[in-house]
N, C-alpha and C. Protein backbone atom coordinates (compact mmCIF):
# COMPACT_ATOMS: atom_id res chain seq x y z
N MET A 1 -0.83 211.38 203.98
CA MET A 1 -1.80 210.47 204.05
C MET A 1 -2.67 210.51 205.39
N LYS A 2 -2.55 211.51 206.22
CA LYS A 2 -3.39 211.37 207.05
C LYS A 2 -4.96 212.03 207.05
N CYS A 3 -4.31 213.36 206.30
CA CYS A 3 -5.56 214.23 205.82
C CYS A 3 -6.01 213.51 204.77
N ARG A 4 -5.80 212.93 203.81
CA ARG A 4 -6.60 212.10 203.19
C ARG A 4 -7.36 211.50 203.94
N ASP A 5 -6.96 210.46 204.55
CA ASP A 5 -8.38 209.17 205.39
C ASP A 5 -9.22 210.13 206.23
N PHE A 6 -8.72 211.16 206.93
CA PHE A 6 -9.78 211.89 207.44
C PHE A 6 -11.12 212.94 206.32
N LEU A 7 -10.52 213.33 205.03
CA LEU A 7 -11.42 213.85 204.01
C LEU A 7 -12.44 212.36 203.75
N GLY A 8 -11.92 211.28 203.49
CA GLY A 8 -12.47 210.49 203.13
C GLY A 8 -13.74 210.30 204.35
N ALA A 9 -13.33 210.08 205.84
CA ALA A 9 -14.22 209.92 206.97
C ALA A 9 -15.11 210.64 206.89
N LEU A 10 -14.91 211.96 206.78
CA LEU A 10 -15.47 213.10 206.39
C LEU A 10 -16.67 213.27 205.38
N LEU A 11 -16.15 212.59 204.69
CA LEU A 11 -17.26 212.82 203.09
C LEU A 11 -18.54 211.21 203.00
N TYR A 12 -17.77 210.41 204.00
CA TYR A 12 -18.84 209.86 204.38
C TYR A 12 -19.68 209.61 205.28
N LEU A 13 -19.61 210.63 206.28
CA LEU A 13 -20.50 210.77 207.29
C LEU A 13 -21.35 211.83 206.79
N ILE A 14 -21.24 212.89 205.84
CA ILE A 14 -21.40 213.56 205.26
C ILE A 14 -22.76 213.02 204.33
N ILE A 15 -22.24 212.06 203.52
CA ILE A 15 -23.38 211.75 202.50
C ILE A 15 -23.78 210.77 203.13
N LEU A 16 -23.63 209.87 204.32
CA LEU A 16 -24.69 208.71 205.32
C LEU A 16 -25.95 210.43 206.30
N GLY A 17 -25.15 211.15 206.80
CA GLY A 17 -26.14 212.19 207.36
C GLY A 17 -27.01 212.65 206.12
N GLY A 18 -27.02 212.55 204.76
CA GLY A 18 -27.81 213.36 203.26
C GLY A 18 -28.92 212.29 203.09
N LEU A 19 -28.53 210.75 203.41
CA LEU A 19 -29.39 210.45 203.11
C LEU A 19 -30.13 209.61 204.04
N GLY A 20 -30.03 210.11 205.13
CA GLY A 20 -30.94 210.09 206.16
C GLY A 20 -30.88 208.64 206.91
N LEU A 21 -29.84 208.48 207.02
CA LEU A 21 -29.24 206.77 207.75
C LEU A 21 -28.88 206.94 208.71
N LYS A 22 -29.39 206.35 209.92
CA LYS A 22 -28.81 206.63 211.36
C LYS A 22 -28.53 204.99 211.79
N ALA A 23 -27.36 205.06 212.43
CA ALA A 23 -27.69 203.73 213.04
C ALA A 23 -28.16 203.57 214.26
N GLN A 24 -28.51 202.36 214.35
CA GLN A 24 -29.66 201.82 215.30
C GLN A 24 -28.71 200.73 216.43
N THR A 25 -29.84 200.73 217.20
CA THR A 25 -28.61 199.86 218.37
C THR A 25 -29.80 198.75 218.73
N LEU A 26 -29.66 197.43 218.71
CA LEU A 26 -30.34 196.17 219.18
C LEU A 26 -30.31 196.07 220.89
N GLN A 27 -30.82 195.83 221.64
CA GLN A 27 -30.83 195.95 223.00
C GLN A 27 -31.86 194.97 223.67
N PHE A 28 -31.16 194.24 224.09
CA PHE A 28 -31.79 192.41 224.38
C PHE A 28 -33.33 192.83 225.29
N SER A 29 -34.06 191.87 224.81
CA SER A 29 -35.77 191.91 225.50
C SER A 29 -36.07 191.28 226.31
N GLN A 30 -36.31 189.41 225.52
CA GLN A 30 -36.61 188.74 226.10
C GLN A 30 -36.14 186.91 225.64
N ILE A 31 -35.99 185.84 226.09
CA ILE A 31 -36.14 185.08 225.20
C ILE A 31 -37.41 184.41 225.32
N LYS A 32 -37.94 183.78 223.90
CA LYS A 32 -39.28 182.88 223.25
C LYS A 32 -39.09 182.01 223.05
N LEU A 33 -40.09 181.22 223.38
CA LEU A 33 -40.12 179.72 222.61
C LEU A 33 -41.47 180.04 221.80
N VAL A 34 -41.00 180.09 220.33
CA VAL A 34 -42.87 179.96 219.44
C VAL A 34 -43.05 178.64 219.22
N SER A 35 -44.29 178.39 219.09
CA SER A 35 -45.16 177.19 218.40
C SER A 35 -46.17 177.50 217.45
N ASN A 36 -47.26 178.66 218.09
CA ASN A 36 -47.98 178.86 217.35
C ASN A 36 -47.64 180.32 216.31
N VAL A 37 -48.42 180.52 215.41
CA VAL A 37 -47.65 181.73 214.74
C VAL A 37 -47.64 183.09 215.53
N GLU A 38 -47.25 183.78 214.92
CA GLU A 38 -46.49 184.60 215.99
C GLU A 38 -46.06 185.96 215.07
N THR A 39 -46.47 187.30 215.03
CA THR A 39 -45.80 188.23 214.41
C THR A 39 -44.80 189.05 215.39
N VAL A 40 -43.21 189.29 214.92
CA VAL A 40 -42.42 190.42 215.29
C VAL A 40 -43.30 191.27 215.53
N PRO A 41 -43.25 191.95 216.70
CA PRO A 41 -43.90 192.93 217.07
C PRO A 41 -42.82 194.44 216.13
N ILE A 42 -43.83 195.65 216.23
CA ILE A 42 -42.98 197.12 215.83
C ILE A 42 -41.74 197.26 217.02
N ASN A 43 -40.72 197.52 215.96
CA ASN A 43 -39.33 198.28 216.57
C ASN A 43 -38.87 196.93 217.61
N LYS A 44 -38.84 195.97 216.96
CA LYS A 44 -38.20 195.01 217.85
C LYS A 44 -37.93 193.64 215.95
N VAL A 45 -37.03 193.04 216.51
CA VAL A 45 -36.39 192.13 215.61
C VAL A 45 -35.96 190.66 216.37
N TRP A 46 -36.21 189.46 215.37
CA TRP A 46 -35.97 188.07 216.55
C TRP A 46 -34.81 187.82 216.05
N LYS A 47 -33.92 187.08 215.92
CA LYS A 47 -32.91 186.38 216.12
C LYS A 47 -33.51 184.57 216.34
N ILE A 48 -33.71 183.87 215.31
CA ILE A 48 -34.18 182.67 215.87
C ILE A 48 -32.73 181.67 215.61
N GLU A 49 -32.25 181.04 217.14
CA GLU A 49 -31.16 180.50 217.34
C GLU A 49 -31.15 179.21 216.96
N SER A 50 -32.56 178.21 217.59
CA SER A 50 -32.79 176.36 217.09
C SER A 50 -33.98 176.26 217.42
N VAL A 51 -34.09 175.23 216.91
CA VAL A 51 -35.41 174.64 216.84
C VAL A 51 -35.98 173.30 217.48
N LEU A 52 -36.81 173.08 217.99
CA LEU A 52 -36.74 172.24 219.20
C LEU A 52 -37.81 171.31 218.48
N SER A 53 -37.25 169.75 218.18
CA SER A 53 -38.33 168.39 217.69
C SER A 53 -38.18 167.56 218.51
N GLY A 54 -39.17 166.74 218.35
CA GLY A 54 -39.04 165.23 219.34
C GLY A 54 -38.77 164.27 218.48
N GLU A 55 -38.11 163.60 218.97
CA GLU A 55 -37.25 161.76 218.70
C GLU A 55 -38.23 161.25 217.42
N HIS A 56 -37.22 161.30 216.45
CA HIS A 56 -38.14 160.20 215.65
C HIS A 56 -37.29 159.27 215.20
N ARG A 57 -37.72 157.91 215.30
CA ARG A 57 -37.31 156.93 215.20
C ARG A 57 -36.98 156.58 213.61
N LEU A 58 -36.12 155.69 212.90
CA LEU A 58 -36.41 155.20 211.82
C LEU A 58 -37.04 153.85 211.50
N PRO A 59 -37.25 153.84 210.82
CA PRO A 59 -37.50 151.62 210.41
C PRO A 59 -36.61 151.41 210.03
N THR A 60 -36.19 150.30 210.37
CA THR A 60 -35.21 149.02 209.74
C THR A 60 -35.87 148.17 208.91
N SER A 61 -36.60 148.68 208.13
CA SER A 61 -37.16 147.59 207.11
C SER A 61 -38.57 147.97 206.57
N GLY A 62 -38.86 147.68 205.94
CA GLY A 62 -40.26 148.44 205.02
C GLY A 62 -40.04 148.00 203.02
N THR A 63 -41.13 148.83 202.92
CA THR A 63 -40.89 149.45 201.28
C THR A 63 -40.62 150.56 200.86
N SER A 64 -40.70 151.47 202.02
CA SER A 64 -40.16 153.08 201.91
C SER A 64 -39.65 153.39 203.20
N PHE A 65 -39.07 154.18 202.99
CA PHE A 65 -38.36 154.89 204.22
C PHE A 65 -39.19 156.33 203.98
N PRO A 66 -39.12 157.09 205.44
CA PRO A 66 -40.08 158.27 205.71
C PRO A 66 -38.35 159.34 204.88
N THR A 67 -39.38 160.59 204.88
CA THR A 67 -38.26 161.73 204.70
C THR A 67 -38.68 162.59 206.05
N LEU A 68 -37.37 162.79 207.13
CA LEU A 68 -37.75 163.17 208.63
C LEU A 68 -37.33 164.51 208.18
N SER A 69 -36.83 165.18 207.38
CA SER A 69 -36.93 166.98 207.06
C SER A 69 -37.71 167.62 208.08
N ARG A 70 -36.98 168.38 209.14
CA ARG A 70 -37.53 169.34 209.93
C ARG A 70 -38.08 171.13 209.39
N PHE A 71 -38.74 171.30 209.23
CA PHE A 71 -39.50 172.84 208.79
C PHE A 71 -40.11 173.67 210.18
N ILE A 72 -39.89 175.03 209.60
CA ILE A 72 -40.32 176.03 210.37
C ILE A 72 -40.86 176.95 209.41
N LYS A 73 -41.80 177.91 209.65
CA LYS A 73 -42.79 178.95 208.83
C LYS A 73 -42.84 180.24 208.88
N ILE A 74 -41.84 180.84 207.59
CA ILE A 74 -41.42 182.28 208.29
C ILE A 74 -42.37 182.87 207.09
N ASN A 75 -43.20 183.78 207.37
CA ASN A 75 -44.34 184.45 206.54
C ASN A 75 -44.97 183.44 205.63
N GLY A 76 -45.74 182.64 206.56
CA GLY A 76 -46.12 181.47 205.64
C GLY A 76 -45.57 180.38 204.88
N THR A 77 -44.14 180.48 204.57
CA THR A 77 -43.35 179.84 203.63
C THR A 77 -42.79 178.72 204.61
N ASP A 78 -42.54 177.20 204.33
CA ASP A 78 -41.95 175.87 204.62
C ASP A 78 -40.44 176.75 204.52
N ILE A 79 -39.72 176.82 205.61
CA ILE A 79 -38.18 176.81 205.82
C ILE A 79 -37.29 175.60 206.03
N CYS A 80 -36.83 174.57 205.48
CA CYS A 80 -35.94 173.69 206.34
C CYS A 80 -35.02 174.05 207.09
N VAL A 81 -35.10 173.38 208.12
CA VAL A 81 -33.93 173.90 208.86
C VAL A 81 -33.16 172.54 209.13
N GLN A 82 -33.00 171.02 208.70
CA GLN A 82 -32.77 170.22 208.64
C GLN A 82 -33.39 168.99 207.67
N GLU A 83 -32.43 168.91 207.27
CA GLU A 83 -32.51 168.40 205.88
C GLU A 83 -32.14 166.64 205.77
N TYR A 84 -32.80 166.08 206.31
CA TYR A 84 -32.87 164.64 206.75
C TYR A 84 -33.74 163.57 205.62
N HIS A 85 -33.06 162.41 205.13
CA HIS A 85 -33.77 161.56 204.34
C HIS A 85 -33.61 160.17 204.68
N THR A 86 -34.23 159.29 204.18
CA THR A 86 -33.37 157.69 204.60
C THR A 86 -33.78 156.78 203.37
N ALA A 87 -32.90 156.11 203.11
CA ALA A 87 -32.49 155.48 202.11
C ALA A 87 -32.45 153.75 202.43
N GLY A 88 -32.94 153.31 200.81
CA GLY A 88 -32.85 151.42 201.50
C GLY A 88 -31.99 151.19 200.72
N LEU A 89 -30.67 151.53 201.26
CA LEU A 89 -29.01 150.85 200.17
C LEU A 89 -28.31 150.93 201.43
N GLY A 90 -27.91 149.59 202.55
CA GLY A 90 -26.71 149.23 202.93
C GLY A 90 -27.73 148.75 204.01
N LEU A 91 -26.62 147.74 204.46
CA LEU A 91 -27.12 146.45 205.43
C LEU A 91 -26.46 147.05 207.02
N GLY A 92 -27.47 146.99 208.26
CA GLY A 92 -26.95 147.27 209.21
C GLY A 92 -27.58 147.07 209.91
N PHE A 93 -27.69 147.99 211.35
CA PHE A 93 -28.50 147.59 212.48
C PHE A 93 -28.97 148.87 212.67
N ASN A 94 -30.41 149.08 213.68
CA ASN A 94 -30.88 149.97 214.36
C ASN A 94 -30.12 150.33 215.76
N GLY A 95 -29.59 151.37 215.79
CA GLY A 95 -28.71 151.74 217.44
C GLY A 95 -29.53 151.64 218.62
N CYS A 96 -28.95 152.50 219.25
CA CYS A 96 -29.40 152.93 220.83
C CYS A 96 -30.00 154.20 219.90
N CYS A 97 -31.35 154.37 221.16
CA CYS A 97 -32.17 155.35 220.98
C CYS A 97 -32.43 156.08 219.47
N GLY A 98 -32.85 154.70 218.68
CA GLY A 98 -33.39 155.12 217.30
C GLY A 98 -32.46 155.47 216.42
N GLY A 99 -30.82 155.76 216.79
CA GLY A 99 -29.61 155.81 215.72
C GLY A 99 -29.54 154.97 214.81
N GLY A 100 -28.91 154.55 213.90
CA GLY A 100 -28.32 153.98 213.11
C GLY A 100 -27.05 153.41 212.85
N PHE A 101 -26.47 152.81 212.17
CA PHE A 101 -25.55 152.21 211.94
C PHE A 101 -25.77 151.62 210.85
N TRP A 102 -24.56 151.55 209.58
CA TRP A 102 -24.73 151.09 208.49
C TRP A 102 -23.17 150.75 207.91
N MET A 103 -23.41 149.31 207.52
CA MET A 103 -21.78 148.64 207.63
C MET A 103 -21.28 148.71 205.95
N ASN A 104 -21.95 148.51 204.94
CA ASN A 104 -21.58 148.89 203.42
C ASN A 104 -22.81 149.02 202.59
N SER A 105 -22.79 149.27 201.88
CA SER A 105 -23.87 149.19 200.61
C SER A 105 -23.96 148.17 199.69
N THR A 106 -25.10 147.05 199.95
CA THR A 106 -25.42 146.13 199.39
C THR A 106 -25.95 146.09 198.10
N GLY A 107 -27.06 146.97 197.91
CA GLY A 107 -27.85 147.27 197.07
C GLY A 107 -29.21 146.40 197.45
N GLN A 108 -29.15 146.00 198.30
CA GLN A 108 -30.43 145.29 198.66
C GLN A 108 -31.77 146.13 198.69
N SER A 109 -32.73 145.51 198.30
CA SER A 109 -34.48 146.48 198.46
C SER A 109 -34.57 146.64 199.76
N PRO A 110 -35.27 147.54 200.17
CA PRO A 110 -35.76 147.84 201.07
C PRO A 110 -36.52 146.81 201.69
N ASN A 111 -37.59 146.01 200.82
CA ASN A 111 -38.59 145.14 201.53
C ASN A 111 -37.92 143.54 201.37
N SER A 112 -36.05 143.43 201.60
CA SER A 112 -35.55 142.55 201.77
C SER A 112 -35.57 142.55 203.34
N THR A 113 -35.47 141.05 203.99
CA THR A 113 -34.78 140.10 204.97
C THR A 113 -34.37 140.98 206.24
N GLN A 114 -32.95 141.69 205.62
CA GLN A 114 -32.28 142.38 205.93
C GLN A 114 -32.61 143.53 206.30
N THR A 115 -31.81 144.03 207.79
CA THR A 115 -32.00 145.15 208.20
C THR A 115 -31.10 146.52 207.27
N HIS A 116 -32.16 147.80 207.05
CA HIS A 116 -32.07 148.62 206.54
C HIS A 116 -31.79 150.06 206.84
N LEU A 117 -30.63 150.78 207.26
CA LEU A 117 -31.03 152.47 207.35
C LEU A 117 -29.54 153.11 207.33
N VAL A 118 -29.74 153.98 205.70
CA VAL A 118 -29.03 154.89 205.69
C VAL A 118 -29.51 156.33 205.71
N ALA A 119 -28.46 156.86 205.64
CA ALA A 119 -28.97 158.42 206.20
C ALA A 119 -28.57 159.25 204.97
N VAL A 120 -29.14 160.37 204.31
CA VAL A 120 -28.53 161.26 203.46
C VAL A 120 -29.03 162.52 203.86
N GLN A 121 -27.92 163.30 204.26
CA GLN A 121 -28.33 164.48 204.36
C GLN A 121 -27.98 165.44 203.61
N GLY A 122 -28.74 166.57 203.73
CA GLY A 122 -28.88 167.72 202.53
C GLY A 122 -28.20 168.92 203.24
N GLN A 123 -28.31 170.05 202.95
CA GLN A 123 -27.87 172.05 203.35
C GLN A 123 -29.23 172.05 203.62
N PRO A 124 -29.94 172.48 204.92
CA PRO A 124 -30.55 173.07 205.08
C PRO A 124 -30.10 174.37 205.35
N SER A 125 -31.35 175.13 205.72
CA SER A 125 -31.37 177.01 205.57
C SER A 125 -30.27 177.21 207.22
N ARG A 126 -29.36 177.69 207.15
CA ARG A 126 -28.22 177.66 208.76
C ARG A 126 -29.03 178.58 209.37
N LEU A 127 -28.65 178.29 210.82
CA LEU A 127 -29.26 178.88 211.94
C LEU A 127 -28.16 179.97 212.52
N PRO A 128 -28.24 181.08 213.05
CA PRO A 128 -29.59 182.09 213.58
C PRO A 128 -29.97 182.93 212.17
N ILE A 129 -31.25 182.98 211.99
CA ILE A 129 -32.52 183.35 210.91
C ILE A 129 -32.48 184.51 211.50
N TRP A 130 -32.23 185.74 210.87
CA TRP A 130 -33.13 187.37 211.51
C TRP A 130 -34.34 187.38 210.89
N LEU A 131 -34.93 187.97 211.81
CA LEU A 131 -36.52 188.47 211.16
C LEU A 131 -36.92 190.11 211.78
N PRO A 132 -36.96 190.76 210.68
CA PRO A 132 -37.46 192.19 210.93
C PRO A 132 -39.37 191.64 211.52
N ALA A 133 -39.28 193.10 212.62
CA ALA A 133 -40.82 193.62 212.75
C ALA A 133 -41.56 193.02 211.34
N GLY A 134 -42.91 192.95 211.31
CA GLY A 134 -43.56 192.04 211.17
C GLY A 134 -43.91 191.04 210.17
N SER A 135 -43.10 190.20 210.52
CA SER A 135 -42.77 189.27 209.89
C SER A 135 -43.39 187.73 210.65
N THR A 136 -43.91 186.47 210.30
CA THR A 136 -44.68 185.97 210.93
C THR A 136 -43.91 185.11 211.12
N LEU A 137 -43.71 183.74 212.54
CA LEU A 137 -43.01 182.37 212.90
C LEU A 137 -43.84 181.73 213.34
N GLU A 138 -43.84 180.41 213.07
CA GLU A 138 -44.26 178.78 213.78
C GLU A 138 -43.84 178.36 213.36
N THR A 139 -44.12 176.90 213.60
CA THR A 139 -43.90 175.34 213.50
C THR A 139 -44.32 174.90 212.47
N SER A 140 -43.32 174.03 212.16
CA SER A 140 -44.37 173.41 210.94
C SER A 140 -43.96 171.73 210.77
N THR A 141 -43.82 170.88 209.95
CA THR A 141 -43.35 170.18 209.96
C THR A 141 -42.16 168.89 210.58
N ARG A 142 -42.54 168.49 211.85
CA ARG A 142 -41.89 167.67 212.97
C ARG A 142 -41.30 169.14 213.92
N THR A 143 -41.62 169.59 214.23
CA THR A 143 -41.14 170.64 214.95
C THR A 143 -41.61 170.81 216.12
N LEU A 144 -41.66 171.41 217.05
CA LEU A 144 -42.60 171.10 218.62
C LEU A 144 -42.09 172.82 218.91
N SER A 145 -41.15 173.72 218.90
CA SER A 145 -40.78 174.79 219.53
C SER A 145 -39.41 175.49 218.59
N ILE A 146 -39.63 176.76 218.37
CA ILE A 146 -38.70 177.36 217.75
C ILE A 146 -38.20 178.19 219.12
N SER A 147 -36.57 178.27 219.65
CA SER A 147 -36.11 179.57 220.08
C SER A 147 -35.80 180.39 219.86
N VAL A 148 -36.10 181.54 219.94
CA VAL A 148 -36.22 183.00 219.86
C VAL A 148 -35.61 183.84 220.51
N ILE A 149 -34.55 184.88 220.07
CA ILE A 149 -34.12 186.04 221.21
C ILE A 149 -34.51 187.39 220.34
N GLU A 150 -35.34 188.07 221.27
CA GLU A 150 -36.01 189.25 220.64
C GLU A 150 -35.15 190.37 221.28
N PHE A 151 -35.23 191.00 220.48
CA PHE A 151 -34.43 192.53 220.59
C PHE A 151 -35.33 193.70 220.65
N ASN A 152 -35.12 194.74 220.93
CA ASN A 152 -35.77 196.25 220.91
C ASN A 152 -34.86 196.75 219.96
N VAL A 153 -35.40 197.28 218.77
CA VAL A 153 -34.54 198.20 218.02
C VAL A 153 -34.21 199.74 218.57
N VAL A 154 -33.46 199.97 218.94
CA VAL A 154 -33.26 201.53 219.32
C VAL A 154 -32.87 202.52 218.71
N PRO A 155 -33.15 203.71 218.68
CA PRO A 155 -32.45 204.23 216.98
C PRO A 155 -31.40 204.78 217.96
């Protein structure tokens, strides 16, 4: 059995060597906060750790409620990192620091005299996101900056 495992491992290494594949190591370079469009440099990779955004208070009345989803741009395309929508179903009140609490679903319309606040969250892109050299990154809707760890690619 040991001979078989050894031969399998040897065959694996020969195939990898024949294909020219080489192992690479990532070496920490720096921590970055990205806001304007930046490009991942050659021989580097970026790991997006988190997205920083400002406070957005939800309205408690009106005829429509906003979509407060947060986006970043990767290679010019918007990528949702927090999906957040509000709708006008529910009776509640606006809590501390713009937070909300709803007690029940009453089916009242958003322009009712009652206070409304219901949050519905979807599935955003999960962090971390890895970007190879040549990729572009920038903030987009409702984001102030993006926290990135930069690594050198060492052959």
